[in-house]
Amino acid sequence: MRFSWGPPYDPHTVLAGAFHTREGEFTSFCNPELDGLIDSVLATTDAAQRQELYDQIWQLLDDEAAVVPLLYPQRVYALRNEVDGFRLGGTEYDIAYAVQDVVIGAN
């Protein structure tokens, strides 16, 4: 299970704010190994190294059961038959981008 919160930015927007000892006050999670991994990923620009570090971070969070999701809200979207081209993105914040290719009355 993965932790998701907000738009699809780099994972550090949630990781540092929620799980780094110095910044993650609202979770009260403290793990020096995780702090080091987060610091390393923030200082790395190589995409492959960042991916490897993020994989280690998520594995550590999974192993520690640092996040226990309680619910995942279901979203329902209704469209008329005349609407064509609507595609959902990865998050609810993608709706504005999902409608850019919408055509009404194309059928």
N, C-alpha and C. Protein backbone atom coordinates (compact mmCIF):
# COMPACT_ATOMS: atom_id res chain seq x y z
N MET A 1 0.85 -1.17 0.00
CA MET A 1 0.00 0.00 0.00
C MET A 1 0.89 1.23 0.00
N ARG A 2 0.58 2.18 -0.82
CA ARG A 2 1.37 3.40 -0.92
C ARG A 2 0.60 4.58 -0.37
N PHE A 3 1.31 5.54 0.13
CA PHE A 3 0.74 6.76 0.70
C PHE A 3 0.59 7.78 -0.41
N SER A 4 -0.56 8.36 -0.54
CA SER A 4 -0.78 9.36 -1.57
C SER A 4 -1.48 10.56 -0.96
N TRP A 5 -1.03 11.73 -1.33
CA TRP A 5 -1.66 12.92 -0.77
C TRP A 5 -1.43 14.07 -1.72
N GLY A 6 -2.41 14.39 -2.48
CA GLY A 6 -2.33 15.56 -3.33
C GLY A 6 -1.85 15.28 -4.74
N PRO A 7 -1.51 16.34 -5.43
CA PRO A 7 -1.11 16.25 -6.83
C PRO A 7 0.13 15.39 -7.03
N PRO A 8 0.36 14.95 -8.25
CA PRO A 8 1.48 14.05 -8.52
C PRO A 8 2.83 14.74 -8.64
N TYR A 9 3.24 15.41 -7.58
CA TYR A 9 4.56 16.01 -7.54
C TYR A 9 5.58 14.93 -7.19
N ASP A 10 6.86 15.31 -7.16
CA ASP A 10 7.87 14.38 -6.67
C ASP A 10 7.46 13.86 -5.29
N PRO A 11 7.76 12.62 -4.99
CA PRO A 11 7.37 12.04 -3.70
C PRO A 11 7.88 12.81 -2.48
N HIS A 12 8.97 13.58 -2.64
CA HIS A 12 9.52 14.27 -1.46
C HIS A 12 8.57 15.30 -0.89
N THR A 13 7.59 15.78 -1.65
CA THR A 13 6.66 16.76 -1.10
C THR A 13 5.88 16.18 0.08
N VAL A 14 5.63 14.89 0.03
CA VAL A 14 4.96 14.23 1.14
C VAL A 14 5.97 13.62 2.10
N LEU A 15 6.98 12.98 1.55
CA LEU A 15 7.94 12.26 2.40
C LEU A 15 8.61 13.16 3.42
N ALA A 16 9.19 14.25 2.96
CA ALA A 16 9.91 15.13 3.90
C ALA A 16 8.95 15.74 4.90
N GLY A 17 7.82 16.22 4.43
CA GLY A 17 6.86 16.87 5.32
C GLY A 17 6.20 15.95 6.31
N ALA A 18 6.03 14.70 5.94
CA ALA A 18 5.31 13.77 6.82
C ALA A 18 6.23 12.87 7.63
N PHE A 19 7.40 12.51 7.08
CA PHE A 19 8.18 11.46 7.72
C PHE A 19 9.58 11.84 8.14
N HIS A 20 10.08 12.98 7.73
CA HIS A 20 11.41 13.39 8.19
C HIS A 20 11.29 13.89 9.62
N THR A 21 12.18 13.45 10.50
CA THR A 21 12.09 13.79 11.92
C THR A 21 11.99 15.29 12.14
N ARG A 22 12.77 16.06 11.41
CA ARG A 22 12.79 17.50 11.65
C ARG A 22 11.55 18.21 11.13
N GLU A 23 10.86 17.62 10.12
CA GLU A 23 9.71 18.30 9.52
C GLU A 23 8.39 17.59 9.77
N GLY A 24 8.42 16.30 10.09
CA GLY A 24 7.20 15.51 10.15
C GLY A 24 6.49 15.52 11.48
N GLU A 25 6.24 16.69 12.01
CA GLU A 25 5.64 16.78 13.34
C GLU A 25 4.25 16.17 13.41
N PHE A 26 3.48 16.24 12.32
CA PHE A 26 2.11 15.76 12.42
C PHE A 26 2.02 14.23 12.43
N THR A 27 3.07 13.53 11.98
CA THR A 27 3.05 12.07 12.06
C THR A 27 3.80 11.54 13.27
N SER A 28 4.68 12.32 13.84
CA SER A 28 5.52 11.92 14.98
C SER A 28 6.35 10.69 14.67
N PHE A 29 6.62 10.45 13.40
CA PHE A 29 7.44 9.30 12.99
C PHE A 29 8.90 9.72 13.04
N CYS A 30 9.73 8.91 13.69
CA CYS A 30 11.14 9.24 13.83
C CYS A 30 11.97 8.02 13.49
N ASN A 31 12.78 8.14 12.43
CA ASN A 31 13.64 7.05 12.03
C ASN A 31 14.88 7.65 11.37
N PRO A 32 16.03 7.61 12.05
CA PRO A 32 17.25 8.22 11.51
C PRO A 32 17.66 7.66 10.15
N GLU A 33 17.44 6.36 9.92
CA GLU A 33 17.77 5.78 8.61
C GLU A 33 16.91 6.42 7.51
N LEU A 34 15.62 6.59 7.79
CA LEU A 34 14.73 7.23 6.83
C LEU A 34 15.13 8.68 6.60
N ASP A 35 15.48 9.39 7.67
CA ASP A 35 15.94 10.78 7.52
C ASP A 35 17.12 10.86 6.55
N GLY A 36 18.07 9.94 6.69
CA GLY A 36 19.23 9.93 5.81
C GLY A 36 18.86 9.65 4.36
N LEU A 37 17.93 8.72 4.15
CA LEU A 37 17.49 8.41 2.79
C LEU A 37 16.77 9.61 2.17
N ILE A 38 15.91 10.27 2.95
CA ILE A 38 15.21 11.45 2.43
C ILE A 38 16.20 12.56 2.11
N ASP A 39 17.15 12.80 3.00
CA ASP A 39 18.18 13.82 2.73
C ASP A 39 18.95 13.48 1.45
N SER A 40 19.27 12.21 1.26
CA SER A 40 20.03 11.79 0.08
C SER A 40 19.23 11.99 -1.20
N VAL A 41 17.96 11.62 -1.18
CA VAL A 41 17.15 11.75 -2.40
C VAL A 41 16.94 13.21 -2.77
N LEU A 42 16.88 14.08 -1.76
CA LEU A 42 16.71 15.51 -2.05
C LEU A 42 17.98 16.13 -2.62
N ALA A 43 19.13 15.50 -2.37
CA ALA A 43 20.41 16.02 -2.86
C ALA A 43 20.86 15.36 -4.16
N THR A 44 20.06 14.43 -4.67
CA THR A 44 20.43 13.67 -5.86
C THR A 44 19.64 14.14 -7.07
N THR A 45 20.32 14.36 -8.18
CA THR A 45 19.63 14.76 -9.41
C THR A 45 19.55 13.63 -10.43
N ASP A 46 20.34 12.58 -10.27
CA ASP A 46 20.31 11.45 -11.20
C ASP A 46 19.01 10.67 -11.02
N ALA A 47 18.24 10.53 -12.10
CA ALA A 47 16.92 9.90 -12.02
C ALA A 47 16.99 8.45 -11.54
N ALA A 48 17.96 7.70 -12.00
CA ALA A 48 18.08 6.30 -11.59
C ALA A 48 18.42 6.18 -10.11
N GLN A 49 19.31 7.04 -9.63
CA GLN A 49 19.66 7.02 -8.20
C GLN A 49 18.47 7.44 -7.36
N ARG A 50 17.73 8.45 -7.83
CA ARG A 50 16.54 8.89 -7.09
C ARG A 50 15.53 7.75 -7.00
N GLN A 51 15.31 7.04 -8.11
CA GLN A 51 14.36 5.92 -8.10
C GLN A 51 14.79 4.85 -7.10
N GLU A 52 16.08 4.53 -7.10
CA GLU A 52 16.60 3.53 -6.16
C GLU A 52 16.38 3.98 -4.71
N LEU A 53 16.65 5.25 -4.43
CA LEU A 53 16.45 5.77 -3.08
C LEU A 53 14.98 5.77 -2.70
N TYR A 54 14.10 6.19 -3.63
CA TYR A 54 12.66 6.16 -3.33
C TYR A 54 12.19 4.73 -3.09
N ASP A 55 12.70 3.78 -3.84
CA ASP A 55 12.34 2.38 -3.60
C ASP A 55 12.74 1.95 -2.19
N GLN A 56 13.93 2.35 -1.76
CA GLN A 56 14.39 2.03 -0.40
C GLN A 56 13.51 2.71 0.65
N ILE A 57 13.16 3.96 0.38
CA ILE A 57 12.31 4.71 1.32
C ILE A 57 10.95 4.04 1.46
N TRP A 58 10.31 3.71 0.34
CA TRP A 58 8.98 3.09 0.41
C TRP A 58 9.06 1.72 1.06
N GLN A 59 10.14 0.98 0.81
CA GLN A 59 10.28 -0.32 1.45
C GLN A 59 10.40 -0.16 2.96
N LEU A 60 11.19 0.81 3.41
CA LEU A 60 11.34 1.06 4.84
C LEU A 60 9.99 1.46 5.46
N LEU A 61 9.25 2.33 4.79
CA LEU A 61 7.94 2.74 5.30
C LEU A 61 6.98 1.55 5.34
N ASP A 62 7.04 0.68 4.33
CA ASP A 62 6.21 -0.53 4.35
C ASP A 62 6.61 -1.44 5.51
N ASP A 63 7.92 -1.65 5.67
CA ASP A 63 8.40 -2.53 6.74
C ASP A 63 8.03 -2.01 8.12
N GLU A 64 8.07 -0.71 8.30
CA GLU A 64 7.76 -0.09 9.59
C GLU A 64 6.26 0.11 9.80
N ALA A 65 5.47 -0.15 8.77
CA ALA A 65 4.02 0.12 8.81
C ALA A 65 3.77 1.55 9.26
N ALA A 66 4.53 2.47 8.66
CA ALA A 66 4.44 3.88 9.05
C ALA A 66 3.13 4.52 8.61
N VAL A 67 2.50 3.94 7.61
CA VAL A 67 1.24 4.48 7.11
C VAL A 67 0.22 3.35 7.09
N VAL A 68 -0.91 3.58 7.72
CA VAL A 68 -1.99 2.61 7.70
C VAL A 68 -3.23 3.31 7.16
N PRO A 69 -3.50 3.15 5.86
CA PRO A 69 -4.67 3.83 5.28
C PRO A 69 -5.95 3.31 5.91
N LEU A 70 -6.81 4.21 6.28
CA LEU A 70 -8.07 3.82 6.88
C LEU A 70 -9.21 3.77 5.88
N LEU A 71 -9.11 4.58 4.83
CA LEU A 71 -10.15 4.56 3.83
C LEU A 71 -9.64 5.17 2.54
N TYR A 72 -10.25 4.76 1.47
CA TYR A 72 -9.94 5.33 0.17
C TYR A 72 -11.27 5.74 -0.42
N PRO A 73 -11.55 7.04 -0.47
CA PRO A 73 -12.87 7.48 -0.94
C PRO A 73 -13.09 7.14 -2.41
N GLN A 74 -14.28 6.66 -2.69
CA GLN A 74 -14.65 6.35 -4.06
C GLN A 74 -15.15 7.62 -4.73
N ARG A 75 -14.73 7.84 -5.95
CA ARG A 75 -15.17 9.00 -6.72
C ARG A 75 -16.04 8.50 -7.87
N VAL A 76 -17.13 9.19 -8.11
CA VAL A 76 -18.03 8.83 -9.19
C VAL A 76 -18.13 10.01 -10.15
N TYR A 77 -17.96 9.74 -11.42
CA TYR A 77 -18.07 10.77 -12.46
C TYR A 77 -19.12 10.31 -13.46
N ALA A 78 -20.06 11.17 -13.76
CA ALA A 78 -21.12 10.85 -14.72
C ALA A 78 -20.99 11.78 -15.92
N LEU A 79 -21.09 11.19 -17.10
CA LEU A 79 -20.99 11.95 -18.34
C LEU A 79 -22.13 11.57 -19.26
N ARG A 80 -22.60 12.53 -20.00
CA ARG A 80 -23.62 12.26 -21.01
C ARG A 80 -22.97 11.57 -22.21
N ASN A 81 -23.76 10.88 -22.99
CA ASN A 81 -23.25 10.19 -24.17
C ASN A 81 -22.60 11.14 -25.17
N GLU A 82 -23.01 12.41 -25.14
CA GLU A 82 -22.48 13.39 -26.09
C GLU A 82 -21.07 13.86 -25.75
N VAL A 83 -20.57 13.51 -24.59
CA VAL A 83 -19.24 13.95 -24.15
C VAL A 83 -18.22 12.91 -24.59
N ASP A 84 -17.20 13.36 -25.30
CA ASP A 84 -16.17 12.46 -25.80
C ASP A 84 -14.80 13.04 -25.46
N GLY A 85 -13.85 12.19 -25.15
CA GLY A 85 -12.49 12.63 -24.91
C GLY A 85 -12.13 12.85 -23.46
N PHE A 86 -13.05 12.61 -22.53
CA PHE A 86 -12.77 12.82 -21.10
C PHE A 86 -11.94 11.65 -20.58
N ARG A 87 -10.81 11.94 -19.97
CA ARG A 87 -9.93 10.92 -19.40
C ARG A 87 -9.54 11.33 -17.99
N LEU A 88 -9.64 10.41 -17.06
CA LEU A 88 -9.24 10.70 -15.69
C LEU A 88 -7.74 10.52 -15.55
N GLY A 89 -7.14 11.39 -14.73
CA GLY A 89 -5.72 11.28 -14.43
C GLY A 89 -5.50 10.46 -13.18
N GLY A 90 -4.30 10.55 -12.64
CA GLY A 90 -3.94 9.77 -11.47
C GLY A 90 -4.52 10.27 -10.17
N THR A 91 -4.92 11.54 -10.11
CA THR A 91 -5.48 12.10 -8.88
C THR A 91 -6.67 12.98 -9.21
N GLU A 92 -7.41 13.33 -8.18
CA GLU A 92 -8.56 14.22 -8.39
C GLU A 92 -8.13 15.60 -8.86
N TYR A 93 -6.86 15.94 -8.67
CA TYR A 93 -6.37 17.25 -9.07
C TYR A 93 -6.13 17.34 -10.56
N ASP A 94 -6.22 16.21 -11.25
CA ASP A 94 -5.99 16.19 -12.69
C ASP A 94 -7.23 16.54 -13.50
N ILE A 95 -8.37 16.77 -12.86
CA ILE A 95 -9.62 17.02 -13.58
C ILE A 95 -9.47 18.18 -14.57
N ALA A 96 -8.84 19.26 -14.17
CA ALA A 96 -8.69 20.41 -15.07
C ALA A 96 -7.95 20.02 -16.34
N TYR A 97 -7.01 19.11 -16.22
CA TYR A 97 -6.27 18.65 -17.40
C TYR A 97 -7.06 17.61 -18.18
N ALA A 98 -7.94 16.90 -17.50
CA ALA A 98 -8.71 15.84 -18.15
C ALA A 98 -9.73 16.41 -19.13
N VAL A 99 -10.16 17.63 -18.92
CA VAL A 99 -11.20 18.19 -19.78
C VAL A 99 -10.64 18.95 -20.98
N GLN A 100 -9.34 19.07 -21.10
CA GLN A 100 -8.79 19.85 -22.19
C GLN A 100 -9.05 19.23 -23.56
N ASP A 101 -9.28 17.93 -23.64
CA ASP A 101 -9.55 17.27 -24.92
C ASP A 101 -11.02 16.88 -25.08
N VAL A 102 -11.88 17.40 -24.22
CA VAL A 102 -13.29 17.04 -24.26
C VAL A 102 -13.99 17.73 -25.44
N VAL A 103 -14.80 16.94 -26.12
CA VAL A 103 -15.62 17.46 -27.22
C VAL A 103 -17.06 17.11 -26.88
N ILE A 104 -17.95 18.09 -26.96
CA ILE A 104 -19.36 17.84 -26.68
C ILE A 104 -20.12 17.81 -28.00
N GLY A 105 -20.91 16.77 -28.17
CA GLY A 105 -21.71 16.64 -29.38
C GLY A 105 -20.97 16.03 -30.54
N ALA A 106 -19.86 15.35 -30.28
CA ALA A 106 -19.08 14.76 -31.37
C ALA A 106 -19.70 13.46 -31.87
N ASN A 107 -20.55 12.84 -31.06
CA ASN A 107 -21.14 11.54 -31.46
C ASN A 107 -22.24 11.72 -32.46
